[in-house]
């Protein structure tokens, strides 16, 4: 199947990694369904894309909103070949004991429940279409491996996404659905720009951290998405070379 015939959904497509990945996929000829909470931001992403797009304002933490996203995609394009579960959020960087239940639930809804809702709807379409199957890529983050200070909700959900990636990869086999995860470290987006000025470290200090161009993340998504059905990247880490991840501290 040519890229021009392939349909992708990208959640969190209104900014950062989601926008960069959507634009990169469109350069390769993919039709891209842009999902996110802010219609104006999605329309800005659409204006940067080189191929057909569909803007669908979506709250991934709301099951009804997710069902509407996938129904609209199927109605418009008739199939789904790629889902990039990218949408996510964090809680304020306060001590664990000071987090509110609402702050915890907000992160769980977006980062974990949303990935599950979208994966479930993607399975329903992919297993019943012709040609059968497709690919799902989850945004895991370096936090799927190691926490930052005061990040219990984000870190917990990203560790859980790793488990969901493995479970969905296993359960998707019989439907020719390949599931993988991209763990991203310090891609330069508006959200991560603060790292240049210094962020808390595990030893209590505040230190600036190296960043990498977000385009490297987008290129990784394009690579994973371009694989044939019989090949899969189960886990990939793309990170700023000198960021504090490996080692002690």
C-alpha atoms as a PDB file:
ATOM      1  CA  UNK A   1       0.000   0.000   0.000  1.00  0.00           C
ATOM      2  CA  UNK A   2       1.443   3.395  -0.975  1.00  0.00           C
ATOM      3  CA  UNK A   3       1.866   6.068   1.682  1.00  0.00           C
ATOM      4  CA  UNK A   4      -0.647   8.202  -0.214  1.00  0.00           C
ATOM      5  CA  UNK A   5      -3.303   5.593   0.597  1.00  0.00           C
ATOM      6  CA  UNK A   6      -2.433   5.339   4.294  1.00  0.00           C
ATOM      7  CA  UNK A   7      -4.397   6.971   7.089  1.00  0.00           C
ATOM      8  CA  UNK A   8      -2.915   8.067  10.436  1.00  0.00           C
ATOM      9  CA  UNK A   9      -4.413   9.459  13.622  1.00  0.00           C
ATOM     10  CA  UNK A  10      -2.125  11.600  15.780  1.00  0.00           C
ATOM     11  CA  UNK A  11      -3.381  12.645  19.208  1.00  0.00           C
ATOM     12  CA  UNK A  12      -2.009  15.772  20.816  1.00  0.00           C
ATOM     13  CA  UNK A  13      -1.431  17.039  17.273  1.00  0.00           C
ATOM     14  CA  UNK A  14      -1.827  20.710  18.120  1.00  0.00           C
ATOM     15  CA  UNK A  15       1.712  21.326  19.353  1.00  0.00           C
ATOM     16  CA  UNK A  16       5.161  19.942  20.063  1.00  0.00           C
ATOM     17  CA  UNK A  17       5.872  16.323  19.221  1.00  0.00           C
ATOM     18  CA  UNK A  18       2.368  15.747  17.873  1.00  0.00           C
ATOM     19  CA  UNK A  19       2.587  18.651  15.452  1.00  0.00           C
ATOM     20  CA  UNK A  20       6.111  17.763  14.283  1.00  0.00           C
ATOM     21  CA  UNK A  21       5.123  14.124  13.742  1.00  0.00           C
ATOM     22  CA  UNK A  22       1.944  15.036  11.877  1.00  0.00           C
ATOM     23  CA  UNK A  23       3.831  17.337   9.518  1.00  0.00           C
ATOM     24  CA  UNK A  24       6.543  14.711   8.981  1.00  0.00           C
ATOM     25  CA  UNK A  25       3.992  12.009   8.166  1.00  0.00           C
ATOM     26  CA  UNK A  26       2.227  14.351   5.768  1.00  0.00           C
ATOM     27  CA  UNK A  27       5.521  14.982   3.950  1.00  0.00           C
ATOM     28  CA  UNK A  28       5.626  11.222   3.302  1.00  0.00           C
ATOM     29  CA  UNK A  29       2.138  11.313   1.813  1.00  0.00           C
ATOM     30  CA  UNK A  30       0.115  10.061   4.759  1.00  0.00           C
ATOM     31  CA  UNK A  31      -3.382  11.465   5.269  1.00  0.00           C
ATOM     32  CA  UNK A  32      -3.390  12.623   8.893  1.00  0.00           C
ATOM     33  CA  UNK A  33      -6.305  12.952  11.300  1.00  0.00           C
ATOM     34  CA  UNK A  34      -5.314  15.662  13.776  1.00  0.00           C
ATOM     35  CA  UNK A  35      -6.775  15.122  17.242  1.00  0.00           C
ATOM     36  CA  UNK A  36      -6.436  17.387  20.271  1.00  0.00           C
ATOM     37  CA  UNK A  37      -8.376  19.641  22.560  1.00  0.00           C
ATOM     38  CA  UNK A  38      -7.788  22.999  20.819  1.00  0.00           C
ATOM     39  CA  UNK A  39      -9.309  23.394  17.375  1.00  0.00           C
ATOM     40  CA  UNK A  40      -7.277  26.503  16.551  1.00  0.00           C
ATOM     41  CA  UNK A  41      -3.998  24.724  17.325  1.00  0.00           C
ATOM     42  CA  UNK A  42      -5.037  21.727  15.212  1.00  0.00           C
ATOM     43  CA  UNK A  43      -5.886  24.037  12.317  1.00  0.00           C
ATOM     44  CA  UNK A  44      -2.432  25.616  12.606  1.00  0.00           C
ATOM     45  CA  UNK A  45      -0.887  22.142  12.366  1.00  0.00           C
ATOM     46  CA  UNK A  46      -3.084  21.386   9.349  1.00  0.00           C
ATOM     47  CA  UNK A  47      -1.809  24.515   7.618  1.00  0.00           C
ATOM     48  CA  UNK A  48       1.735  23.130   7.866  1.00  0.00           C
ATOM     49  CA  UNK A  49       0.895  19.688   6.480  1.00  0.00           C
ATOM     50  CA  UNK A  50       1.591  18.715   2.876  1.00  0.00           C
ATOM     51  CA  UNK A  51      -1.180  16.154   2.385  1.00  0.00           C
ATOM     52  CA  UNK A  52      -4.830  15.689   3.272  1.00  0.00           C
ATOM     53  CA  UNK A  53      -5.778  16.328   6.899  1.00  0.00           C
ATOM     54  CA  UNK A  54      -8.888  16.042   9.028  1.00  0.00           C
ATOM     55  CA  UNK A  55      -9.203  18.181  12.171  1.00  0.00           C
ATOM     56  CA  UNK A  56     -11.175  16.497  14.968  1.00  0.00           C
ATOM     57  CA  UNK A  57     -11.176  18.282  18.361  1.00  0.00           C
ATOM     58  CA  UNK A  58     -10.882  15.465  20.899  1.00  0.00           C
ATOM     59  CA  UNK A  59     -10.466  14.922  24.633  1.00  0.00           C
ATOM     60  CA  UNK A  60      -8.687  11.557  24.838  1.00  0.00           C
ATOM     61  CA  UNK A  61      -9.704  11.209  28.495  1.00  0.00           C
ATOM     62  CA  UNK A  62     -13.379  11.118  27.466  1.00  0.00           C
ATOM     63  CA  UNK A  63     -14.440   7.735  26.000  1.00  0.00           C
ATOM     64  CA  UNK A  64     -17.321   9.299  24.048  1.00  0.00           C
ATOM     65  CA  UNK A  65     -14.999  11.865  22.487  1.00  0.00           C
ATOM     66  CA  UNK A  66     -12.557   9.120  21.483  1.00  0.00           C
ATOM     67  CA  UNK A  67     -15.340   7.026  19.924  1.00  0.00           C
ATOM     68  CA  UNK A  68     -16.416  10.067  17.910  1.00  0.00           C
ATOM     69  CA  UNK A  69     -12.835  10.605  16.687  1.00  0.00           C
ATOM     70  CA  UNK A  70     -12.516   7.068  15.345  1.00  0.00           C
ATOM     71  CA  UNK A  71     -16.019   7.050  13.899  1.00  0.00           C
ATOM     72  CA  UNK A  72     -15.265  10.275  12.015  1.00  0.00           C
ATOM     73  CA  UNK A  73     -11.994   8.815  10.748  1.00  0.00           C
ATOM     74  CA  UNK A  74     -13.678   5.657   9.467  1.00  0.00           C
ATOM     75  CA  UNK A  75     -16.529   7.651   7.926  1.00  0.00           C
ATOM     76  CA  UNK A  76     -14.102   9.956   6.100  1.00  0.00           C
ATOM     77  CA  UNK A  77     -11.334   7.578   5.029  1.00  0.00           C
ATOM     78  CA  UNK A  78     -12.787   4.095   5.402  1.00  0.00           C
ATOM     79  CA  UNK A  79      -9.768   2.655   7.227  1.00  0.00           C
ATOM     80  CA  UNK A  80      -6.960   3.336   9.724  1.00  0.00           C
ATOM     81  CA  UNK A  81      -3.321   2.329   9.258  1.00  0.00           C
ATOM     82  CA  UNK A  82      -1.518   4.169  12.052  1.00  0.00           C
ATOM     83  CA  UNK A  83      -2.353   5.511  15.497  1.00  0.00           C
ATOM     84  CA  UNK A  84       0.220   7.636  17.313  1.00  0.00           C
ATOM     85  CA  UNK A  85      -0.898   7.846  20.957  1.00  0.00           C
ATOM     86  CA  UNK A  86       0.935  11.070  21.745  1.00  0.00           C
ATOM     87  CA  UNK A  87      -1.447  13.186  23.824  1.00  0.00           C
ATOM     88  CA  UNK A  88      -0.479  13.593  27.454  1.00  0.00           C
ATOM     89  CA  UNK A  89      -0.225  15.969  30.359  1.00  0.00           C
ATOM     90  CA  UNK A  90       1.559  16.395  33.669  1.00  0.00           C
ATOM     91  CA  UNK A  91       0.696  17.575  37.164  1.00  0.00           C
ATOM     92  CA  UNK A  92       2.270  20.502  39.020  1.00  0.00           C
ATOM     93  CA  UNK A  93       5.761  19.637  40.293  1.00  0.00           C
ATOM     94  CA  UNK A  94       4.795  19.594  43.949  1.00  0.00           C
ATOM     95  CA  UNK A  95       5.681  17.046  46.647  1.00  0.00           C
ATOM     96  CA  UNK A  96       3.842  13.757  46.193  1.00  0.00           C
ATOM     97  CA  UNK A  97       1.944  14.172  49.443  1.00  0.00           C
ATOM     98  CA  UNK A  98       0.585  17.554  48.337  1.00  0.00           C
ATOM     99  CA  UNK A  99      -0.994  16.383  45.080  1.00  0.00           C
ATOM    100  CA  UNK A 100      -4.768  16.516  44.949  1.00  0.00           C
ATOM    101  CA  UNK A 101      -6.858  13.556  43.850  1.00  0.00           C
ATOM    102  CA  UNK A 102      -8.103  15.676  40.952  1.00  0.00           C
ATOM    103  CA  UNK A 103      -4.545  16.377  39.767  1.00  0.00           C
ATOM    104  CA  UNK A 104      -3.726  12.672  39.901  1.00  0.00           C
ATOM    105  CA  UNK A 105      -6.885  11.678  38.014  1.00  0.00           C
ATOM    106  CA  UNK A 106      -6.345  14.314  35.317  1.00  0.00           C
ATOM    107  CA  UNK A 107      -2.961  12.834  34.434  1.00  0.00           C
ATOM    108  CA  UNK A 108      -4.230   9.246  34.564  1.00  0.00           C
ATOM    109  CA  UNK A 109      -7.164  10.127  32.295  1.00  0.00           C
ATOM    110  CA  UNK A 110      -4.977  11.726  29.631  1.00  0.00           C
ATOM    111  CA  UNK A 111      -1.820   9.612  29.764  1.00  0.00           C
ATOM    112  CA  UNK A 112      -3.149   6.125  30.488  1.00  0.00           C
ATOM    113  CA  UNK A 113      -6.903   5.928  30.063  1.00  0.00           C
ATOM    114  CA  UNK A 114      -6.692   7.935  26.842  1.00  0.00           C
ATOM    115  CA  UNK A 115      -4.095   5.585  25.380  1.00  0.00           C
ATOM    116  CA  UNK A 116      -6.308   2.622  26.251  1.00  0.00           C
ATOM    117  CA  UNK A 117      -9.473   4.181  24.809  1.00  0.00           C
ATOM    118  CA  UNK A 118      -7.709   5.044  21.551  1.00  0.00           C
ATOM    119  CA  UNK A 119      -5.997   1.658  21.300  1.00  0.00           C
ATOM    120  CA  UNK A 120      -9.297  -0.131  21.836  1.00  0.00           C
ATOM    121  CA  UNK A 121     -11.036   1.840  19.079  1.00  0.00           C
ATOM    122  CA  UNK A 122      -8.059   1.366  16.735  1.00  0.00           C
ATOM    123  CA  UNK A 123      -8.185  -2.406  17.302  1.00  0.00           C
ATOM    124  CA  UNK A 124     -11.869  -2.462  16.362  1.00  0.00           C
ATOM    125  CA  UNK A 125     -11.196  -0.787  13.015  1.00  0.00           C
ATOM    126  CA  UNK A 126      -7.871  -2.423  12.168  1.00  0.00           C
ATOM    127  CA  UNK A 127      -8.934  -6.016  12.778  1.00  0.00           C
ATOM    128  CA  UNK A 128     -11.989  -5.758  10.528  1.00  0.00           C
ATOM    129  CA  UNK A 129     -10.648  -3.770   7.565  1.00  0.00           C
ATOM    130  CA  UNK A 130      -9.156  -4.996   4.289  1.00  0.00           C
ATOM    131  CA  UNK A 131      -6.178  -5.225   4.115  1.00  0.00           C
ATOM    132  CA  UNK A 132      -6.374  -6.215   7.774  1.00  0.00           C
ATOM    133  CA  UNK A 133      -4.134  -4.795  10.496  1.00  0.00           C
ATOM    134  CA  UNK A 134      -2.218  -1.607  11.190  1.00  0.00           C
ATOM    135  CA  UNK A 135       0.280  -0.061  13.569  1.00  0.00           C
ATOM    136  CA  UNK A 136       0.033   1.702  16.921  1.00  0.00           C
ATOM    137  CA  UNK A 137       2.873   3.773  18.386  1.00  0.00           C
ATOM    138  CA  UNK A 138       2.729   4.955  21.991  1.00  0.00           C
ATOM    139  CA  UNK A 139       4.634   7.959  23.331  1.00  0.00           C
ATOM    140  CA  UNK A 140       6.329   6.459  26.361  1.00  0.00           C
ATOM    141  CA  UNK A 141       8.884   9.105  27.407  1.00  0.00           C
ATOM    142  CA  UNK A 142      12.112   8.650  29.337  1.00  0.00           C
ATOM    143  CA  UNK A 143       9.777   8.745  32.352  1.00  0.00           C
ATOM    144  CA  UNK A 144       8.700   5.232  31.374  1.00  0.00           C
ATOM    145  CA  UNK A 145      12.110   4.207  32.755  1.00  0.00           C
ATOM    146  CA  UNK A 146      13.197   6.773  35.354  1.00  0.00           C
ATOM    147  CA  UNK A 147      11.389   9.513  37.285  1.00  0.00           C
ATOM    148  CA  UNK A 148      12.132  13.172  37.699  1.00  0.00           C
ATOM    149  CA  UNK A 149      11.623  14.726  41.142  1.00  0.00           C
ATOM    150  CA  UNK A 150       7.981  15.403  42.051  1.00  0.00           C
ATOM    151  CA  UNK A 151       6.553  13.571  39.034  1.00  0.00           C
ATOM    152  CA  UNK A 152       4.596  10.668  40.547  1.00  0.00           C
ATOM    153  CA  UNK A 153       1.490  10.921  38.306  1.00  0.00           C
ATOM    154  CA  UNK A 154       3.398  11.364  35.042  1.00  0.00           C
ATOM    155  CA  UNK A 155       5.993   8.702  35.850  1.00  0.00           C
ATOM    156  CA  UNK A 156       3.365   6.208  37.014  1.00  0.00           C
ATOM    157  CA  UNK A 157       1.272   6.599  33.881  1.00  0.00           C
ATOM    158  CA  UNK A 158       4.278   6.334  31.563  1.00  0.00           C
ATOM    159  CA  UNK A 159       5.408   3.129  33.284  1.00  0.00           C
ATOM    160  CA  UNK A 160       1.860   1.857  32.809  1.00  0.00           C
ATOM    161  CA  UNK A 161       1.951   2.761  29.111  1.00  0.00           C
ATOM    162  CA  UNK A 162       4.918   0.393  28.773  1.00  0.00           C
ATOM    163  CA  UNK A 163       2.771  -2.433  30.160  1.00  0.00           C
ATOM    164  CA  UNK A 164      -0.068  -1.498  27.825  1.00  0.00           C
ATOM    165  CA  UNK A 165       2.337  -1.445  24.871  1.00  0.00           C
ATOM    166  CA  UNK A 166       3.457  -4.991  25.669  1.00  0.00           C
ATOM    167  CA  UNK A 167      -0.076  -6.268  26.242  1.00  0.00           C
ATOM    168  CA  UNK A 168      -1.439  -4.646  23.086  1.00  0.00           C
ATOM    169  CA  UNK A 169       1.518  -5.916  21.057  1.00  0.00           C
ATOM    170  CA  UNK A 170       0.701  -9.450  22.168  1.00  0.00           C
ATOM    171  CA  UNK A 171      -3.053  -9.122  21.743  1.00  0.00           C
ATOM    172  CA  UNK A 172      -2.683  -7.425  18.359  1.00  0.00           C
ATOM    173  CA  UNK A 173      -0.674 -10.226  16.764  1.00  0.00           C
ATOM    174  CA  UNK A 174      -3.684 -12.250  15.711  1.00  0.00           C
ATOM    175  CA  UNK A 175      -5.109  -9.212  13.927  1.00  0.00           C
ATOM    176  CA  UNK A 176      -1.836  -8.175  12.199  1.00  0.00           C
ATOM    177  CA  UNK A 177      -1.626  -5.114  14.435  1.00  0.00           C
ATOM    178  CA  UNK A 178       1.917  -4.092  15.369  1.00  0.00           C
ATOM    179  CA  UNK A 179       2.303  -2.057  18.565  1.00  0.00           C
ATOM    180  CA  UNK A 180       5.457  -0.221  19.624  1.00  0.00           C
ATOM    181  CA  UNK A 181       6.643   2.572  21.869  1.00  0.00           C
ATOM    182  CA  UNK A 182       8.893   5.586  21.363  1.00  0.00           C
ATOM    183  CA  UNK A 183      10.562   6.871  24.526  1.00  0.00           C
ATOM    184  CA  UNK A 184      11.583  10.486  24.018  1.00  0.00           C
ATOM    185  CA  UNK A 185      14.097  12.436  26.061  1.00  0.00           C
ATOM    186  CA  UNK A 186      14.359  16.232  26.003  1.00  0.00           C
ATOM    187  CA  UNK A 187      12.935  17.027  22.573  1.00  0.00           C
ATOM    188  CA  UNK A 188      12.877  20.795  22.208  1.00  0.00           C
ATOM    189  CA  UNK A 189       9.247  21.869  22.297  1.00  0.00           C
ATOM    190  CA  UNK A 190       7.566  24.839  24.001  1.00  0.00           C
ATOM    191  CA  UNK A 191       6.840  22.517  26.932  1.00  0.00           C
ATOM    192  CA  UNK A 192      10.484  21.462  27.331  1.00  0.00           C
ATOM    193  CA  UNK A 193      12.116  24.823  26.648  1.00  0.00           C
ATOM    194  CA  UNK A 194      12.342  25.515  30.392  1.00  0.00           C
ATOM    195  CA  UNK A 195      15.055  22.870  30.651  1.00  0.00           C
ATOM    196  CA  UNK A 196      17.527  25.308  29.130  1.00  0.00           C
ATOM    197  CA  UNK A 197      17.191  27.464  32.226  1.00  0.00           C
ATOM    198  CA  UNK A 198      17.505  24.634  34.729  1.00  0.00           C
ATOM    199  CA  UNK A 199      15.224  21.979  36.188  1.00  0.00           C
ATOM    200  CA  UNK A 200      15.351  20.030  39.480  1.00  0.00           C
ATOM    201  CA  UNK A 201      17.692  17.044  39.605  1.00  0.00           C
ATOM    202  CA  UNK A 202      17.546  13.936  41.802  1.00  0.00           C
ATOM    203  CA  UNK A 203      20.331  15.281  44.041  1.00  0.00           C
ATOM    204  CA  UNK A 204      18.366  18.429  44.846  1.00  0.00           C
ATOM    205  CA  UNK A 205      20.247  20.796  42.548  1.00  0.00           C
ATOM    206  CA  UNK A 206      18.862  22.872  39.682  1.00  0.00           C
ATOM    207  CA  UNK A 207      20.693  22.287  36.415  1.00  0.00           C
ATOM    208  CA  UNK A 208      20.123  23.138  32.744  1.00  0.00           C
ATOM    209  CA  UNK A 209      19.731  20.092  30.508  1.00  0.00           C
ATOM    210  CA  UNK A 210      20.655  19.538  26.848  1.00  0.00           C
ATOM    211  CA  UNK A 211      17.821  19.413  24.325  1.00  0.00           C
ATOM    212  CA  UNK A 212      17.521  17.904  20.844  1.00  0.00           C
ATOM    213  CA  UNK A 213      15.593  19.105  17.816  1.00  0.00           C
ATOM    214  CA  UNK A 214      12.034  17.740  17.881  1.00  0.00           C
ATOM    215  CA  UNK A 215      12.484  16.812  14.226  1.00  0.00           C
ATOM    216  CA  UNK A 216      14.547  13.794  15.316  1.00  0.00           C
ATOM    217  CA  UNK A 217      11.474  12.522  17.148  1.00  0.00           C
ATOM    218  CA  UNK A 218       9.305  13.063  14.088  1.00  0.00           C
ATOM    219  CA  UNK A 219      11.794  11.166  11.910  1.00  0.00           C
ATOM    220  CA  UNK A 220      11.683   8.246  14.363  1.00  0.00           C
ATOM    221  CA  UNK A 221       7.887   8.140  14.105  1.00  0.00           C
ATOM    222  CA  UNK A 222       8.101   8.163  10.306  1.00  0.00           C
ATOM    223  CA  UNK A 223      10.621   5.299  10.406  1.00  0.00           C
ATOM    224  CA  UNK A 224       8.495   3.180  12.743  1.00  0.00           C
ATOM    225  CA  UNK A 225       5.397   3.916  10.662  1.00  0.00           C
ATOM    226  CA  UNK A 226       7.139   2.975   7.406  1.00  0.00           C
ATOM    227  CA  UNK A 227       7.950  -0.595   8.409  1.00  0.00           C
ATOM    228  CA  UNK A 228       6.177  -3.446   6.603  1.00  0.00           C
ATOM    229  CA  UNK A 229       3.576  -5.436   8.552  1.00  0.00           C
ATOM    230  CA  UNK A 230       6.042  -8.222   9.361  1.00  0.00           C
ATOM    231  CA  UNK A 231       8.489  -5.884  11.174  1.00  0.00           C
ATOM    232  CA  UNK A 232       8.043  -3.858  14.345  1.00  0.00           C
ATOM    233  CA  UNK A 233      10.043  -1.566  16.606  1.00  0.00           C
ATOM    234  CA  UNK A 234       8.779  -2.658  20.009  1.00  0.00           C
ATOM    235  CA  UNK A 235      10.761  -0.021  21.933  1.00  0.00           C
ATOM    236  CA  UNK A 236      12.975   2.821  20.763  1.00  0.00           C
ATOM    237  CA  UNK A 237      14.614   5.610  22.787  1.00  0.00           C
ATOM    238  CA  UNK A 238      15.454   8.909  21.101  1.00  0.00           C
ATOM    239  CA  UNK A 239      17.119  11.379  23.452  1.00  0.00           C
ATOM    240  CA  UNK A 240      19.471  14.304  23.743  1.00  0.00           C
ATOM    241  CA  UNK A 241      22.866  12.606  23.877  1.00  0.00           C
ATOM    242  CA  UNK A 242      24.097  14.346  27.016  1.00  0.00           C
ATOM    243  CA  UNK A 243      20.879  14.531  29.029  1.00  0.00           C
ATOM    244  CA  UNK A 244      21.024  13.030  32.541  1.00  0.00           C
ATOM    245  CA  UNK A 245      19.370   9.659  32.030  1.00  0.00           C
ATOM    246  CA  UNK A 246      21.991   6.925  32.117  1.00  0.00           C
ATOM    247  CA  UNK A 247      24.287   6.929  35.146  1.00  0.00           C
ATOM    248  CA  UNK A 248      23.798   7.833  38.792  1.00  0.00           C
ATOM    249  CA  UNK A 249      22.610  11.022  40.418  1.00  0.00           C
END
